[in-house]
Amino acid sequence: MPARRIRSVSAILLLCSLFPGAASALCVLGMGNCTPGISGEYVMVDNPNTKLTIDAGKIAASQGPMTIAADYTVRSVEGNQVVIDVRAPGTPPGSATIVVDDQVLHIKDNFVFNGDWKRR
């Protein structure tokens, strides 16, 4: 690896460690962890029988024997709000806005995953 590239990578890592918000900005550029704090398993606040799982690039909601799964990419991260683009086979592309608030995810703007979700 050329010395110039090593210095550039070192500068980016230093910037991210000094300014945590910079890591979110790099996420939008396709570098770094793009889903800080939202990956995990959740239950719907009003209906604990409905479950939500978020992994890197995958989101799925299930209730009983039915599961709805989709791929997602992060469009933007601003503070505690993440906007994702959601794609599932056979459906038109959509999006969802996720607001992280004290172990509860508030998902809006998506008819499949809308609701308040509490971490399991």
N, C-alpha and C. Protein backbone atom coordinates (compact mmCIF):
# COMPACT_ATOMS: atom_id res chain seq x y z
N MET A 1 0.86 -1.17 0.00
CA MET A 1 0.00 0.00 0.00
C MET A 1 0.90 1.23 0.00
N PRO A 2 0.68 2.15 -0.91
CA PRO A 2 1.51 3.34 -0.98
C PRO A 2 1.39 4.19 0.29
N ALA A 3 2.47 4.90 0.62
CA ALA A 3 2.51 5.71 1.84
C ALA A 3 1.41 6.77 1.83
N ARG A 4 1.12 7.33 0.68
CA ARG A 4 0.09 8.36 0.59
C ARG A 4 -1.29 7.81 0.99
N ARG A 5 -1.60 6.60 0.52
CA ARG A 5 -2.87 5.97 0.86
C ARG A 5 -2.93 5.63 2.34
N ILE A 6 -1.84 5.17 2.92
CA ILE A 6 -1.79 4.86 4.35
C ILE A 6 -2.06 6.13 5.16
N ARG A 7 -1.47 7.25 4.76
CA ARG A 7 -1.72 8.51 5.46
C ARG A 7 -3.19 8.91 5.35
N SER A 8 -3.79 8.71 4.18
CA SER A 8 -5.20 9.08 3.98
C SER A 8 -6.11 8.23 4.86
N VAL A 9 -5.87 6.93 4.89
CA VAL A 9 -6.68 6.04 5.73
C VAL A 9 -6.48 6.38 7.20
N SER A 10 -5.26 6.66 7.60
CA SER A 10 -4.98 7.04 8.99
C SER A 10 -5.71 8.32 9.36
N ALA A 11 -5.73 9.29 8.46
CA ALA A 11 -6.42 10.55 8.72
C ALA A 11 -7.92 10.33 8.88
N ILE A 12 -8.51 9.47 8.05
CA ILE A 12 -9.95 9.17 8.17
C ILE A 12 -10.24 8.49 9.49
N LEU A 13 -9.44 7.52 9.89
CA LEU A 13 -9.66 6.83 11.16
C LEU A 13 -9.53 7.79 12.34
N LEU A 14 -8.55 8.68 12.29
CA LEU A 14 -8.38 9.68 13.35
C LEU A 14 -9.59 10.60 13.40
N LEU A 15 -10.06 11.06 12.25
CA LEU A 15 -11.22 11.93 12.19
C LEU A 15 -12.44 11.26 12.80
N CYS A 16 -12.65 9.99 12.48
CA CYS A 16 -13.82 9.26 13.00
C CYS A 16 -13.72 9.05 14.51
N SER A 17 -12.51 8.86 15.02
CA SER A 17 -12.37 8.66 16.47
C SER A 17 -12.54 9.97 17.23
N LEU A 18 -12.13 11.09 16.63
CA LEU A 18 -12.27 12.38 17.29
C LEU A 18 -13.68 12.95 17.18
N PHE A 19 -14.34 12.69 16.06
CA PHE A 19 -15.68 13.23 15.80
C PHE A 19 -16.60 12.08 15.41
N PRO A 20 -17.32 11.49 16.38
CA PRO A 20 -18.17 10.34 16.06
C PRO A 20 -19.19 10.62 14.96
N GLY A 21 -19.65 11.84 14.81
CA GLY A 21 -20.58 12.16 13.74
C GLY A 21 -19.98 11.95 12.36
N ALA A 22 -18.66 12.03 12.27
CA ALA A 22 -18.00 11.83 10.98
C ALA A 22 -18.19 10.40 10.49
N ALA A 23 -18.27 9.44 11.41
CA ALA A 23 -18.47 8.04 11.01
C ALA A 23 -19.82 7.89 10.31
N SER A 24 -20.83 8.59 10.79
CA SER A 24 -22.14 8.54 10.14
C SER A 24 -22.07 9.15 8.75
N ALA A 25 -21.33 10.23 8.62
CA ALA A 25 -21.20 10.87 7.31
C ALA A 25 -20.49 9.93 6.34
N LEU A 26 -19.48 9.21 6.80
CA LEU A 26 -18.77 8.27 5.95
C LEU A 26 -19.67 7.12 5.54
N CYS A 27 -20.63 6.76 6.41
CA CYS A 27 -21.57 5.70 6.11
C CYS A 27 -22.33 6.00 4.82
N VAL A 28 -22.77 7.23 4.68
CA VAL A 28 -23.53 7.62 3.49
C VAL A 28 -22.65 7.47 2.25
N LEU A 29 -21.35 7.63 2.40
CA LEU A 29 -20.42 7.48 1.28
C LEU A 29 -20.05 6.03 1.02
N GLY A 30 -20.66 5.09 1.79
CA GLY A 30 -20.41 3.67 1.57
C GLY A 30 -19.29 3.10 2.40
N MET A 31 -18.84 3.82 3.40
CA MET A 31 -17.76 3.33 4.26
C MET A 31 -18.27 3.29 5.69
N GLY A 32 -17.83 2.32 6.45
CA GLY A 32 -18.18 2.27 7.87
C GLY A 32 -19.48 1.54 8.15
N ASN A 33 -19.84 1.48 9.43
CA ASN A 33 -21.06 0.83 9.88
C ASN A 33 -22.23 1.78 9.68
N CYS A 34 -23.17 1.40 8.83
CA CYS A 34 -24.24 2.31 8.45
C CYS A 34 -25.49 2.20 9.31
N THR A 35 -25.53 1.32 10.23
CA THR A 35 -26.73 1.19 11.05
C THR A 35 -26.37 1.23 12.53
N PRO A 36 -25.76 2.32 12.98
CA PRO A 36 -25.35 2.36 14.37
C PRO A 36 -26.56 2.32 15.30
N GLY A 37 -26.60 1.32 16.16
CA GLY A 37 -27.63 1.26 17.18
C GLY A 37 -28.97 0.71 16.75
N ILE A 38 -29.18 0.31 15.50
CA ILE A 38 -30.49 -0.21 15.14
C ILE A 38 -30.51 -1.71 14.89
N SER A 39 -29.37 -2.34 14.67
CA SER A 39 -29.36 -3.78 14.45
C SER A 39 -29.81 -4.50 15.71
N GLY A 40 -30.61 -5.53 15.54
CA GLY A 40 -31.06 -6.31 16.69
C GLY A 40 -32.45 -6.88 16.50
N GLU A 41 -33.00 -7.39 17.61
CA GLU A 41 -34.33 -7.98 17.59
C GLU A 41 -35.26 -7.13 18.45
N TYR A 42 -36.48 -6.93 17.96
CA TYR A 42 -37.44 -6.05 18.61
C TYR A 42 -38.81 -6.72 18.65
N VAL A 43 -39.67 -6.21 19.53
CA VAL A 43 -41.08 -6.57 19.53
C VAL A 43 -41.88 -5.27 19.42
N MET A 44 -43.05 -5.35 18.79
CA MET A 44 -43.89 -4.17 18.65
C MET A 44 -44.43 -3.80 20.02
N VAL A 45 -44.37 -2.51 20.37
CA VAL A 45 -44.80 -2.04 21.69
C VAL A 45 -46.26 -2.40 21.95
N ASP A 46 -47.14 -2.18 20.97
CA ASP A 46 -48.57 -2.44 21.16
C ASP A 46 -48.97 -3.90 20.94
N ASN A 47 -48.08 -4.70 20.36
CA ASN A 47 -48.38 -6.10 20.07
C ASN A 47 -47.11 -6.92 20.16
N PRO A 48 -46.77 -7.42 21.37
CA PRO A 48 -45.50 -8.14 21.53
C PRO A 48 -45.40 -9.44 20.75
N ASN A 49 -46.49 -9.88 20.11
CA ASN A 49 -46.42 -11.08 19.26
C ASN A 49 -45.82 -10.78 17.89
N THR A 50 -45.69 -9.50 17.56
CA THR A 50 -45.10 -9.09 16.29
C THR A 50 -43.63 -8.76 16.53
N LYS A 51 -42.76 -9.41 15.77
CA LYS A 51 -41.32 -9.28 15.97
C LYS A 51 -40.67 -8.61 14.77
N LEU A 52 -39.58 -7.89 15.03
CA LEU A 52 -38.81 -7.21 13.99
C LEU A 52 -37.35 -7.58 14.18
N THR A 53 -36.70 -7.95 13.09
CA THR A 53 -35.26 -8.24 13.12
C THR A 53 -34.58 -7.35 12.09
N ILE A 54 -33.52 -6.67 12.54
CA ILE A 54 -32.73 -5.83 11.64
C ILE A 54 -31.29 -6.31 11.71
N ASP A 55 -30.78 -6.71 10.56
CA ASP A 55 -29.37 -7.08 10.40
C ASP A 55 -28.78 -6.17 9.33
N ALA A 56 -27.51 -6.29 9.10
CA ALA A 56 -26.86 -5.48 8.06
C ALA A 56 -27.50 -5.77 6.71
N GLY A 57 -28.24 -4.80 6.17
CA GLY A 57 -28.83 -4.95 4.86
C GLY A 57 -30.14 -5.71 4.79
N LYS A 58 -30.64 -6.24 5.91
CA LYS A 58 -31.88 -7.02 5.93
C LYS A 58 -32.79 -6.53 7.05
N ILE A 59 -34.09 -6.46 6.77
CA ILE A 59 -35.09 -6.13 7.78
C ILE A 59 -36.25 -7.09 7.58
N ALA A 60 -36.79 -7.63 8.69
CA ALA A 60 -37.89 -8.59 8.60
C ALA A 60 -38.84 -8.42 9.77
N ALA A 61 -40.13 -8.48 9.48
CA ALA A 61 -41.16 -8.46 10.52
C ALA A 61 -41.90 -9.78 10.45
N SER A 62 -42.25 -10.33 11.62
CA SER A 62 -42.96 -11.60 11.63
C SER A 62 -44.01 -11.61 12.73
N GLN A 63 -45.10 -12.33 12.44
CA GLN A 63 -46.15 -12.57 13.41
C GLN A 63 -46.68 -13.96 13.12
N GLY A 64 -46.55 -14.85 14.08
CA GLY A 64 -46.95 -16.24 13.86
C GLY A 64 -46.16 -16.84 12.71
N PRO A 65 -46.86 -17.52 11.78
CA PRO A 65 -46.14 -18.18 10.68
C PRO A 65 -45.79 -17.23 9.52
N MET A 66 -46.23 -15.98 9.57
CA MET A 66 -46.00 -15.06 8.45
C MET A 66 -44.79 -14.16 8.71
N THR A 67 -43.91 -14.06 7.72
CA THR A 67 -42.75 -13.18 7.79
C THR A 67 -42.68 -12.36 6.51
N ILE A 68 -42.41 -11.07 6.69
CA ILE A 68 -42.18 -10.18 5.55
C ILE A 68 -40.75 -9.67 5.68
N ALA A 69 -39.94 -9.94 4.65
CA ALA A 69 -38.53 -9.57 4.70
C ALA A 69 -38.18 -8.68 3.51
N ALA A 70 -37.20 -7.85 3.71
CA ALA A 70 -36.76 -6.94 2.64
C ALA A 70 -35.28 -6.63 2.82
N ASP A 71 -34.65 -6.21 1.74
CA ASP A 71 -33.29 -5.69 1.78
C ASP A 71 -33.39 -4.19 1.98
N TYR A 72 -32.36 -3.61 2.58
CA TYR A 72 -32.36 -2.16 2.71
C TYR A 72 -30.95 -1.63 2.56
N THR A 73 -30.90 -0.36 2.17
CA THR A 73 -29.64 0.39 2.15
C THR A 73 -29.90 1.70 2.88
N VAL A 74 -28.88 2.20 3.53
CA VAL A 74 -29.02 3.45 4.26
C VAL A 74 -28.89 4.61 3.29
N ARG A 75 -29.90 5.47 3.30
CA ARG A 75 -29.86 6.68 2.46
C ARG A 75 -29.21 7.82 3.21
N SER A 76 -29.56 7.99 4.50
CA SER A 76 -28.97 9.08 5.26
C SER A 76 -29.03 8.78 6.76
N VAL A 77 -28.12 9.39 7.48
CA VAL A 77 -28.07 9.31 8.93
C VAL A 77 -27.90 10.73 9.43
N GLU A 78 -28.81 11.16 10.30
CA GLU A 78 -28.71 12.50 10.87
C GLU A 78 -29.12 12.43 12.33
N GLY A 79 -28.14 12.53 13.21
CA GLY A 79 -28.43 12.41 14.64
C GLY A 79 -28.99 11.04 14.96
N ASN A 80 -30.20 11.01 15.56
CA ASN A 80 -30.82 9.73 15.91
C ASN A 80 -31.82 9.27 14.86
N GLN A 81 -31.76 9.84 13.66
CA GLN A 81 -32.68 9.47 12.59
C GLN A 81 -31.94 8.83 11.43
N VAL A 82 -32.45 7.68 10.99
CA VAL A 82 -31.87 6.95 9.87
C VAL A 82 -32.96 6.79 8.82
N VAL A 83 -32.67 7.13 7.58
CA VAL A 83 -33.60 6.90 6.47
C VAL A 83 -33.03 5.77 5.63
N ILE A 84 -33.85 4.74 5.41
CA ILE A 84 -33.41 3.59 4.62
C ILE A 84 -34.29 3.44 3.38
N ASP A 85 -33.68 2.93 2.31
CA ASP A 85 -34.42 2.54 1.11
C ASP A 85 -34.68 1.05 1.23
N VAL A 86 -35.94 0.64 1.06
CA VAL A 86 -36.35 -0.74 1.28
C VAL A 86 -36.76 -1.36 -0.05
N ARG A 87 -36.25 -2.59 -0.31
CA ARG A 87 -36.58 -3.31 -1.53
C ARG A 87 -36.94 -4.75 -1.19
N ALA A 88 -38.10 -5.19 -1.68
CA ALA A 88 -38.51 -6.58 -1.52
C ALA A 88 -38.93 -7.11 -2.89
N PRO A 89 -38.66 -8.38 -3.16
CA PRO A 89 -39.03 -8.94 -4.47
C PRO A 89 -40.52 -8.77 -4.75
N GLY A 90 -40.83 -8.35 -5.96
CA GLY A 90 -42.22 -8.24 -6.38
C GLY A 90 -42.96 -7.03 -5.85
N THR A 91 -42.26 -6.10 -5.23
CA THR A 91 -42.91 -4.89 -4.72
C THR A 91 -42.16 -3.66 -5.21
N PRO A 92 -42.84 -2.53 -5.30
CA PRO A 92 -42.12 -1.32 -5.70
C PRO A 92 -41.19 -0.87 -4.59
N PRO A 93 -40.08 -0.21 -4.92
CA PRO A 93 -39.16 0.26 -3.89
C PRO A 93 -39.84 1.28 -2.98
N GLY A 94 -39.44 1.29 -1.73
CA GLY A 94 -39.98 2.23 -0.76
C GLY A 94 -38.89 2.73 0.16
N SER A 95 -39.29 3.42 1.19
CA SER A 95 -38.32 3.91 2.17
C SER A 95 -38.97 3.85 3.55
N ALA A 96 -38.16 4.07 4.55
CA ALA A 96 -38.65 4.13 5.93
C ALA A 96 -37.75 5.09 6.70
N THR A 97 -38.36 5.83 7.61
CA THR A 97 -37.62 6.70 8.50
C THR A 97 -37.62 6.06 9.87
N ILE A 98 -36.43 5.87 10.44
CA ILE A 98 -36.29 5.23 11.74
C ILE A 98 -35.70 6.24 12.71
N VAL A 99 -36.41 6.46 13.82
CA VAL A 99 -35.92 7.36 14.86
C VAL A 99 -35.61 6.49 16.09
N VAL A 100 -34.38 6.56 16.57
CA VAL A 100 -33.94 5.78 17.72
C VAL A 100 -34.12 6.62 18.98
N ASP A 101 -34.86 6.08 19.96
CA ASP A 101 -35.17 6.84 21.16
C ASP A 101 -35.21 5.90 22.36
N ASP A 102 -34.16 5.88 23.18
CA ASP A 102 -34.12 5.09 24.42
C ASP A 102 -34.58 3.65 24.23
N GLN A 103 -33.90 2.90 23.41
CA GLN A 103 -34.16 1.48 23.17
C GLN A 103 -35.47 1.23 22.43
N VAL A 104 -36.11 2.25 21.91
CA VAL A 104 -37.32 2.10 21.11
C VAL A 104 -37.05 2.68 19.72
N LEU A 105 -37.40 1.91 18.70
CA LEU A 105 -37.32 2.40 17.33
C LEU A 105 -38.70 2.86 16.92
N HIS A 106 -38.79 4.05 16.39
CA HIS A 106 -40.03 4.57 15.84
C HIS A 106 -39.87 4.54 14.32
N ILE A 107 -40.59 3.64 13.66
CA ILE A 107 -40.48 3.51 12.21
C ILE A 107 -41.73 4.11 11.59
N LYS A 108 -41.51 5.00 10.63
CA LYS A 108 -42.64 5.62 9.93
C LYS A 108 -42.34 5.69 8.44
N ASP A 109 -43.34 6.05 7.68
CA ASP A 109 -43.23 6.20 6.23
C ASP A 109 -43.08 4.87 5.49
N ASN A 110 -43.44 3.75 6.14
CA ASN A 110 -43.39 2.44 5.49
C ASN A 110 -44.54 1.60 6.01
N PHE A 111 -45.47 1.23 5.15
CA PHE A 111 -46.68 0.56 5.62
C PHE A 111 -46.41 -0.83 6.22
N VAL A 112 -45.34 -1.48 5.87
CA VAL A 112 -45.05 -2.82 6.40
C VAL A 112 -44.41 -2.75 7.78
N PHE A 113 -43.46 -1.87 7.98
CA PHE A 113 -42.68 -1.86 9.22
C PHE A 113 -43.05 -0.71 10.16
N ASN A 114 -44.09 0.06 9.85
CA ASN A 114 -44.51 1.18 10.70
C ASN A 114 -44.77 0.72 12.13
N GLY A 115 -44.44 1.58 13.09
CA GLY A 115 -44.77 1.30 14.48
C GLY A 115 -43.63 1.61 15.41
N ASP A 116 -43.89 1.37 16.68
CA ASP A 116 -42.89 1.54 17.73
C ASP A 116 -42.42 0.16 18.14
N TRP A 117 -41.10 -0.02 18.15
CA TRP A 117 -40.50 -1.33 18.37
C TRP A 117 -39.54 -1.25 19.56
N LYS A 118 -39.73 -2.13 20.52
CA LYS A 118 -38.90 -2.18 21.73
C LYS A 118 -37.90 -3.32 21.61
N ARG A 119 -36.64 -3.03 21.98
CA ARG A 119 -35.58 -4.04 21.89
C ARG A 119 -35.90 -5.22 22.81
N ARG A 120 -35.67 -6.45 22.32
CA ARG A 120 -35.92 -7.66 23.10
C ARG A 120 -34.79 -7.92 24.05
